[in-house]
C-alpha atoms as a PDB file:
ATOM      1  CA  MET A   1     -72.110 -68.138-153.204  1.00  0.00           C
ATOM      2  CA  LEU A   2     -71.775 -70.072-150.049  1.00  0.00           C
ATOM      3  CA  LEU A   3     -73.284 -69.377-147.054  1.00  0.00           C
ATOM      4  CA  LEU A   4     -72.898 -70.404-143.140  1.00  0.00           C
ATOM      5  CA  ALA A   5     -76.138 -70.559-141.475  1.00  0.00           C
ATOM      6  CA  LEU A   6     -76.360 -70.562-137.483  1.00  0.00           C
ATOM      7  CA  ASP A   7     -78.699 -70.065-135.300  1.00  0.00           C
ATOM      8  CA  THR A   8     -78.962 -70.273-130.991  1.00  0.00           C
ATOM      9  CA  ALA A   9     -82.487 -68.846-130.364  1.00  0.00           C
ATOM     10  CA  THR A  10     -83.889 -72.055-129.383  1.00  0.00           C
ATOM     11  CA  PRO A  11     -82.381 -74.720-127.713  1.00  0.00           C
ATOM     12  CA  ALA A  12     -80.997 -76.159-130.780  1.00  0.00           C
ATOM     13  CA  VAL A  13     -77.581 -75.548-131.755  1.00  0.00           C
ATOM     14  CA  THR A  14     -77.767 -75.651-135.493  1.00  0.00           C
ATOM     15  CA  VAL A  15     -75.379 -74.906-138.323  1.00  0.00           C
ATOM     16  CA  ALA A  16     -75.470 -75.422-142.144  1.00  0.00           C
ATOM     17  CA  LEU A  17     -73.702 -74.814-145.114  1.00  0.00           C
ATOM     18  CA  HIS A  18     -75.490 -73.582-148.935  1.00  0.00           C
ATOM     19  CA  ASP A  19     -73.884 -73.164-152.121  1.00  0.00           C
ATOM     20  CA  GLY A  20     -76.961 -71.110-152.900  1.00  0.00           C
ATOM     21  CA  GLU A  21     -78.843 -74.089-154.799  1.00  0.00           C
ATOM     22  CA  SER A  22     -78.403 -77.028-151.915  1.00  0.00           C
ATOM     23  CA  VAL A  23     -77.221 -77.354-148.569  1.00  0.00           C
ATOM     24  CA  LEU A  24     -73.895 -79.171-148.321  1.00  0.00           C
ATOM     25  CA  ALA A  25     -73.344 -80.292-144.843  1.00  0.00           C
ATOM     26  CA  GLN A  26     -75.610 -79.419-141.458  1.00  0.00           C
ATOM     27  CA  SER A  27     -75.153 -79.991-137.767  1.00  0.00           C
ATOM     28  CA  ASP A  28     -77.949 -80.193-135.168  1.00  0.00           C
ATOM     29  CA  GLN A  29     -77.953 -80.425-131.754  1.00  0.00           C
ATOM     30  CA  VAL A  30     -80.418 -79.635-128.869  1.00  0.00           C
ATOM     31  CA  ASP A  31     -78.716 -78.557-125.431  1.00  0.00           C
ATOM     32  CA  ALA A  32     -80.288 -75.527-124.353  1.00  0.00           C
ATOM     33  CA  ARG A  33     -77.319 -74.622-121.952  1.00  0.00           C
ATOM     34  CA  ARG A  34     -74.588 -75.537-123.950  1.00  0.00           C
ATOM     35  CA  HIS A  35     -74.848 -73.047-127.023  1.00  0.00           C
ATOM     36  CA  GLY A  36     -71.566 -71.538-126.747  1.00  0.00           C
ATOM     37  CA  GLU A  37     -69.717 -74.632-125.945  1.00  0.00           C
ATOM     38  CA  LEU A  38     -71.020 -76.382-128.861  1.00  0.00           C
ATOM     39  CA  LEU A  39     -71.620 -73.644-132.095  1.00  0.00           C
ATOM     40  CA  ILE A  40     -68.042 -73.300-132.766  1.00  0.00           C
ATOM     41  CA  PRO A  41     -67.465 -77.232-133.429  1.00  0.00           C
ATOM     42  CA  SER A  42     -70.314 -77.275-135.000  1.00  0.00           C
ATOM     43  CA  VAL A  43     -69.228 -74.843-137.338  1.00  0.00           C
ATOM     44  CA  ASP A  44     -66.058 -76.678-137.945  1.00  0.00           C
ATOM     45  CA  ARG A  45     -67.942 -79.840-138.098  1.00  0.00           C
ATOM     46  CA  VAL A  46     -69.864 -78.860-141.148  1.00  0.00           C
ATOM     47  CA  LEU A  47     -67.090 -77.243-143.173  1.00  0.00           C
ATOM     48  CA  ALA A  48     -64.781 -80.605-142.514  1.00  0.00           C
ATOM     49  CA  GLU A  49     -68.084 -82.403-144.379  1.00  0.00           C
ATOM     50  CA  ALA A  50     -68.201 -80.402-146.963  1.00  0.00           C
ATOM     51  CA  GLY A  51     -64.124 -80.291-147.571  1.00  0.00           C
ATOM     52  CA  LEU A  52     -64.108 -76.658-147.199  1.00  0.00           C
ATOM     53  CA  LYS A  53     -62.811 -73.827-145.452  1.00  0.00           C
ATOM     54  CA  LEU A  54     -64.271 -70.911-143.339  1.00  0.00           C
ATOM     55  CA  ASP A  55     -62.668 -68.492-145.723  1.00  0.00           C
ATOM     56  CA  ALA A  56     -64.401 -70.241-148.348  1.00  0.00           C
ATOM     57  CA  VAL A  57     -67.741 -68.295-147.459  1.00  0.00           C
ATOM     58  CA  THR A  58     -69.234 -65.263-149.172  1.00  0.00           C
ATOM     59  CA  GLY A  59     -71.538 -64.556-146.265  1.00  0.00           C
ATOM     60  CA  ILE A  60     -73.245 -65.581-142.911  1.00  0.00           C
ATOM     61  CA  VAL A  61     -77.114 -66.322-142.253  1.00  0.00           C
ATOM     62  CA  VAL A  62     -78.096 -66.122-138.458  1.00  0.00           C
ATOM     63  CA  GLY A  63     -81.373 -66.238-137.240  1.00  0.00           C
ATOM     64  CA  VAL A  64     -82.636 -62.997-135.073  1.00  0.00           C
ATOM     65  CA  GLY A  65     -84.843 -64.930-132.787  1.00  0.00           C
ATOM     66  CA  PRO A  66     -86.922 -64.347-130.745  1.00  0.00           C
ATOM     67  CA  GLY A  67     -85.152 -66.101-128.163  1.00  0.00           C
ATOM     68  CA  PRO A  68     -83.784 -66.165-124.488  1.00  0.00           C
ATOM     69  CA  TYR A  69     -81.162 -63.754-123.976  1.00  0.00           C
ATOM     70  CA  THR A  70     -78.318 -66.305-123.277  1.00  0.00           C
ATOM     71  CA  GLY A  71     -78.704 -68.251-126.103  1.00  0.00           C
ATOM     72  CA  LEU A  72     -79.936 -65.982-128.447  1.00  0.00           C
ATOM     73  CA  ARG A  73     -76.669 -63.509-128.007  1.00  0.00           C
ATOM     74  CA  VAL A  74     -74.078 -66.601-128.656  1.00  0.00           C
ATOM     75  CA  GLY A  75     -75.171 -66.703-132.481  1.00  0.00           C
ATOM     76  CA  LEU A  76     -75.550 -63.185-133.408  1.00  0.00           C
ATOM     77  CA  VAL A  77     -71.988 -62.531-131.608  1.00  0.00           C
ATOM     78  CA  THR A  78     -70.155 -65.474-133.447  1.00  0.00           C
ATOM     79  CA  ALA A  79     -72.164 -64.498-136.998  1.00  0.00           C
ATOM     80  CA  SER A  80     -71.045 -60.732-136.398  1.00  0.00           C
ATOM     81  CA  THR A  81     -67.431 -62.296-135.707  1.00  0.00           C
ATOM     82  CA  PHE A  82     -67.079 -63.881-138.825  1.00  0.00           C
ATOM     83  CA  ALA A  83     -68.445 -61.386-140.554  1.00  0.00           C
ATOM     84  CA  ALA A  84     -66.103 -58.890-139.719  1.00  0.00           C
ATOM     85  CA  VAL A  85     -62.960 -60.914-139.688  1.00  0.00           C
ATOM     86  CA  LEU A  86     -64.039 -62.549-143.414  1.00  0.00           C
ATOM     87  CA  GLY A  87     -65.222 -59.272-144.799  1.00  0.00           C
ATOM     88  CA  VAL A  88     -68.723 -60.626-146.057  1.00  0.00           C
ATOM     89  CA  PRO A  89     -72.260 -59.946-145.440  1.00  0.00           C
ATOM     90  CA  VAL A  90     -74.216 -61.049-142.247  1.00  0.00           C
ATOM     91  CA  HIS A  91     -78.079 -61.334-143.444  1.00  0.00           C
ATOM     92  CA  GLY A  92     -80.600 -61.700-140.268  1.00  0.00           C
ATOM     93  CA  LEU A  93     -83.619 -63.964-140.421  1.00  0.00           C
ATOM     94  CA  CYS A  94     -86.048 -64.246-137.887  1.00  0.00           C
ATOM     95  CA  THR A  95     -86.193 -67.734-136.268  1.00  0.00           C
ATOM     96  CA  LEU A  96     -89.798 -68.478-136.827  1.00  0.00           C
ATOM     97  CA  ASP A  97     -89.552 -67.761-140.369  1.00  0.00           C
ATOM     98  CA  GLY A  98     -86.913 -70.712-140.236  1.00  0.00           C
ATOM     99  CA  LEU A  99     -89.076 -73.022-138.648  1.00  0.00           C
ATOM    100  CA  ALA A 100     -91.884 -71.976-141.194  1.00  0.00           C
ATOM    101  CA  TYR A 101     -89.777 -72.921-144.149  1.00  0.00           C
ATOM    102  CA  ALA A 102     -88.990 -76.479-142.702  1.00  0.00           C
ATOM    103  CA  ALA A 103     -92.592 -76.557-142.178  1.00  0.00           C
ATOM    104  CA  GLY A 104     -93.180 -76.251-145.626  1.00  0.00           C
ATOM    105  CA  THR A 105     -90.662 -79.060-146.460  1.00  0.00           C
ATOM    106  CA  ALA A 106     -92.217 -81.259-144.349  1.00  0.00           C
ATOM    107  CA  GLY A 107     -95.349 -80.684-146.293  1.00  0.00           C
ATOM    108  CA  ILE A 108     -97.233 -78.045-144.210  1.00  0.00           C
ATOM    109  CA  GLU A 109     -98.896 -75.373-146.671  1.00  0.00           C
ATOM    110  CA  GLY A 110    -100.554 -73.263-144.572  1.00  0.00           C
ATOM    111  CA  PRO A 111    -102.145 -71.505-142.954  1.00  0.00           C
ATOM    112  CA  PHE A 112    -100.470 -72.127-139.526  1.00  0.00           C
ATOM    113  CA  THR A 113     -98.711 -71.421-136.611  1.00  0.00           C
ATOM    114  CA  VAL A 114     -95.225 -71.827-135.436  1.00  0.00           C
ATOM    115  CA  ALA A 115     -94.719 -71.609-131.664  1.00  0.00           C
ATOM    116  CA  THR A 116     -91.346 -71.944-129.641  1.00  0.00           C
ATOM    117  CA  ASP A 117     -90.846 -72.201-126.314  1.00  0.00           C
ATOM    118  CA  ALA A 118     -90.294 -68.831-124.209  1.00  0.00           C
ATOM    119  CA  ARG A 119     -89.960 -70.111-120.765  1.00  0.00           C
ATOM    120  CA  ARG A 120     -91.890 -68.476-118.082  1.00  0.00           C
ATOM    121  CA  LYS A 121     -95.244 -70.537-119.200  1.00  0.00           C
ATOM    122  CA  GLU A 122     -94.944 -68.433-122.433  1.00  0.00           C
ATOM    123  CA  VAL A 123     -94.124 -69.051-126.016  1.00  0.00           C
ATOM    124  CA  TYR A 124     -92.835 -67.152-128.975  1.00  0.00           C
ATOM    125  CA  TRP A 125     -95.116 -67.189-131.952  1.00  0.00           C
ATOM    126  CA  ALA A 126     -96.314 -66.090-135.365  1.00  0.00           C
ATOM    127  CA  ARG A 127     -99.253 -66.918-137.796  1.00  0.00           C
ATOM    128  CA  TYR A 128     -98.515 -67.900-141.360  1.00  0.00           C
ATOM    129  CA  GLU A 129    -100.401 -67.719-144.930  1.00  0.00           C
ATOM    130  CA  ASP A 130     -97.858 -70.151-146.178  1.00  0.00           C
ATOM    131  CA  PRO A 131     -94.539 -71.217-145.129  1.00  0.00           C
ATOM    132  CA  ARG A 132     -92.919 -67.876-146.882  1.00  0.00           C
ATOM    133  CA  THR A 133     -95.574 -65.724-145.472  1.00  0.00           C
ATOM    134  CA  ARG A 134     -95.744 -64.409-141.983  1.00  0.00           C
ATOM    135  CA  VAL A 135     -98.656 -62.498-140.945  1.00  0.00           C
ATOM    136  CA  GLY A 136     -97.664 -59.337-138.865  1.00  0.00           C
ATOM    137  CA  GLU A 137     -95.018 -59.732-136.239  1.00  0.00           C
ATOM    138  CA  PRO A 138     -93.449 -62.213-134.044  1.00  0.00           C
ATOM    139  CA  SER A 139     -94.993 -62.324-130.274  1.00  0.00           C
ATOM    140  CA  VAL A 140     -94.587 -63.863-126.899  1.00  0.00           C
ATOM    141  CA  ASP A 141     -98.185 -64.481-124.810  1.00  0.00           C
ATOM    142  CA  ARG A 142     -99.324 -67.370-122.716  1.00  0.00           C
ATOM    143  CA  PRO A 143    -100.700 -69.664-124.983  1.00  0.00           C
ATOM    144  CA  ALA A 144    -104.188 -69.711-122.591  1.00  0.00           C
ATOM    145  CA  ASP A 145    -104.355 -65.674-124.037  1.00  0.00           C
ATOM    146  CA  ILE A 146    -103.872 -66.517-128.132  1.00  0.00           C
ATOM    147  CA  ALA A 147    -106.189 -69.707-128.122  1.00  0.00           C
ATOM    148  CA  GLU A 148    -108.505 -67.737-129.983  1.00  0.00           C
ATOM    149  CA  GLN A 149    -106.069 -66.539-132.557  1.00  0.00           C
ATOM    150  CA  VAL A 150    -104.681 -69.934-133.288  1.00  0.00           C
ATOM    151  CA  ALA A 151    -107.800 -71.925-132.566  1.00  0.00           C
ATOM    152  CA  GLY A 152    -107.902 -74.185-135.797  1.00  0.00           C
ATOM    153  CA  LEU A 153    -104.714 -74.254-137.161  1.00  0.00           C
ATOM    154  CA  PRO A 154    -101.624 -76.748-137.360  1.00  0.00           C
ATOM    155  CA  ALA A 155     -98.847 -75.659-135.583  1.00  0.00           C
ATOM    156  CA  VAL A 156     -95.122 -76.584-135.421  1.00  0.00           C
ATOM    157  CA  GLY A 157     -92.611 -75.915-133.062  1.00  0.00           C
ATOM    158  CA  GLN A 158     -91.284 -76.904-129.784  1.00  0.00           C
ATOM    159  CA  GLY A 159     -93.954 -74.055-128.134  1.00  0.00           C
ATOM    160  CA  ALA A 160     -96.646 -75.882-129.805  1.00  0.00           C
ATOM    161  CA  LEU A 161     -95.659 -79.705-128.517  1.00  0.00           C
ATOM    162  CA  LEU A 162     -95.856 -78.443-124.888  1.00  0.00           C
ATOM    163  CA  TYR A 163     -99.203 -76.772-124.737  1.00  0.00           C
ATOM    164  CA  PRO A 164    -101.981 -79.457-126.533  1.00  0.00           C
ATOM    165  CA  GLU A 165    -104.592 -77.712-125.172  1.00  0.00           C
ATOM    166  CA  VAL A 166    -104.318 -74.776-127.145  1.00  0.00           C
ATOM    167  CA  PHE A 167    -102.138 -76.624-130.271  1.00  0.00           C
ATOM    168  CA  PRO A 168    -104.143 -79.489-130.466  1.00  0.00           C
ATOM    169  CA  ASP A 169    -102.558 -80.076-133.904  1.00  0.00           C
ATOM    170  CA  ALA A 170     -98.927 -79.658-133.478  1.00  0.00           C
ATOM    171  CA  ARG A 171     -96.648 -81.459-135.817  1.00  0.00           C
ATOM    172  CA  GLY A 172     -93.099 -81.152-136.620  1.00  0.00           C
ATOM    173  CA  PRO A 173     -90.441 -79.848-137.249  1.00  0.00           C
ATOM    174  CA  GLU A 174     -90.055 -79.283-133.256  1.00  0.00           C
ATOM    175  CA  HIS A 175     -86.628 -77.738-133.383  1.00  0.00           C
ATOM    176  CA  GLN A 176     -85.283 -74.771-136.022  1.00  0.00           C
ATOM    177  CA  SER A 177     -82.880 -75.783-138.591  1.00  0.00           C
ATOM    178  CA  ALA A 178     -80.344 -73.704-139.915  1.00  0.00           C
ATOM    179  CA  ALA A 179     -80.147 -75.960-143.201  1.00  0.00           C
ATOM    180  CA  ALA A 180     -84.047 -74.147-144.040  1.00  0.00           C
ATOM    181  CA  LEU A 181     -82.821 -70.836-142.369  1.00  0.00           C
ATOM    182  CA  ALA A 182     -79.876 -70.730-145.029  1.00  0.00           C
ATOM    183  CA  SER A 183     -82.176 -72.619-147.935  1.00  0.00           C
ATOM    184  CA  LEU A 184     -84.823 -69.577-147.071  1.00  0.00           C
ATOM    185  CA  ALA A 185     -81.729 -66.974-147.293  1.00  0.00           C
ATOM    186  CA  ALA A 186     -80.824 -68.306-150.549  1.00  0.00           C
ATOM    187  CA  GLU A 187     -84.041 -67.746-151.777  1.00  0.00           C
ATOM    188  CA  ARG A 188     -84.327 -64.693-150.503  1.00  0.00           C
ATOM    189  CA  LEU A 189     -80.897 -62.999-151.977  1.00  0.00           C
ATOM    190  CA  ALA A 190     -81.926 -64.591-155.591  1.00  0.00           C
ATOM    191  CA  ALA A 191     -85.165 -62.296-155.198  1.00  0.00           C
ATOM    192  CA  GLY A 192     -83.213 -59.513-154.019  1.00  0.00           C
ATOM    193  CA  ALA A 193     -85.161 -59.233-150.692  1.00  0.00           C
ATOM    194  CA  GLU A 194     -83.799 -57.666-147.749  1.00  0.00           C
ATOM    195  CA  PHE A 195     -82.826 -58.816-144.362  1.00  0.00           C
ATOM    196  CA  LEU A 196     -82.831 -58.088-140.738  1.00  0.00           C
ATOM    197  CA  PRO A 197     -80.281 -56.833-139.436  1.00  0.00           C
ATOM    198  CA  PRO A 198     -78.078 -58.774-136.921  1.00  0.00           C
ATOM    199  CA  THR A 199     -79.286 -57.445-133.643  1.00  0.00           C
ATOM    200  CA  PRO A 200     -81.252 -59.687-130.969  1.00  0.00           C
ATOM    201  CA  LEU A 201     -85.037 -59.927-131.016  1.00  0.00           C
ATOM    202  CA  TYR A 202     -85.672 -60.272-127.489  1.00  0.00           C
ATOM    203  CA  LEU A 203     -89.235 -59.452-127.137  1.00  0.00           C
ATOM    204  CA  ARG A 204     -89.316 -59.072-123.476  1.00  0.00           C
ATOM    205  CA  ARG A 205     -86.465 -57.803-121.054  1.00  0.00           C
ATOM    206  CA  PRO A 206     -83.828 -59.882-120.303  1.00  0.00           C
ATOM    207  CA  ASP A 207     -83.744 -62.522-116.768  1.00  0.00           C
ATOM    208  CA  ALA A 208     -81.369 -60.930-115.144  1.00  0.00           C
ATOM    209  CA  GLN A 209     -81.967 -57.609-113.679  1.00  0.00           C
ATOM    210  CA  VAL A 210     -80.113 -54.841-111.331  1.00  0.00           C
ATOM    211  CA  PRO A 211     -81.292 -55.404-107.458  1.00  0.00           C
ATOM    212  CA  LYS A 212     -83.567 -53.165-106.291  1.00  0.00           C
ATOM    213  CA  ASN A 213     -82.116 -50.893-103.546  1.00  0.00           C
ATOM    214  CA  TYR A 214     -78.879 -51.648-105.530  1.00  0.00           C
ATOM    215  CA  LYS A 215     -76.032 -49.296-103.718  1.00  0.00           C
ATOM    216  CA  VAL A 216     -72.817 -48.261-105.789  1.00  0.00           C
ATOM    217  CA  VAL A 217     -69.623 -48.495-103.397  1.00  0.00           C
ATOM    218  CA  THR A 218     -67.004 -46.368-104.814  1.00  0.00           C
ATOM    219  CA  PRO A 219     -63.729 -46.240-103.270  1.00  0.00           C
ATOM    220  CA  GLN A 220     -63.110 -43.112-101.019  1.00  0.00           C
END
């Protein structure tokens, strides 16, 4: 097994290689505006560090969000393209699940909350019983609107750090890690668990909209 994992659903551009037992190489960069520019060089870098070629990969793991439209689709399109070219499966995982798994590695047992920055003064969030067990589906909300639901719980992720009045017990990790995502995927593959399709989990409409009163002009 050789899994290539990547996620661009958050400001982190993160890539990792996993052989089914451990992480062989990883690259993590935080730059919310350069997902498309940084992703492929990151893939090249982790392959070179591991001394492997892309054709050795047996499966692709990708974070499907939730996340902003532009950044998220960079990772999903890249993952699907690699899978098609290599003829290997692509396994989708919720980005928040990767952060929860990383929180477990950092020593948080649960219950706790994962929250990432959704912009517009909102967060993408979910509650977890433990690092491998999410409670319900991810949501996007203003922090003040979920204060009662997350009260008293530790929280991880950049979204938690941005709103300390709602998440007073905010902890690391702050950003997504493809290494954690790959490790979670390896566990789920070994257990025969199902994965999500490599389609984006937006939770809301894209920022770009067709202007009102837009008129289509066609040649006469």
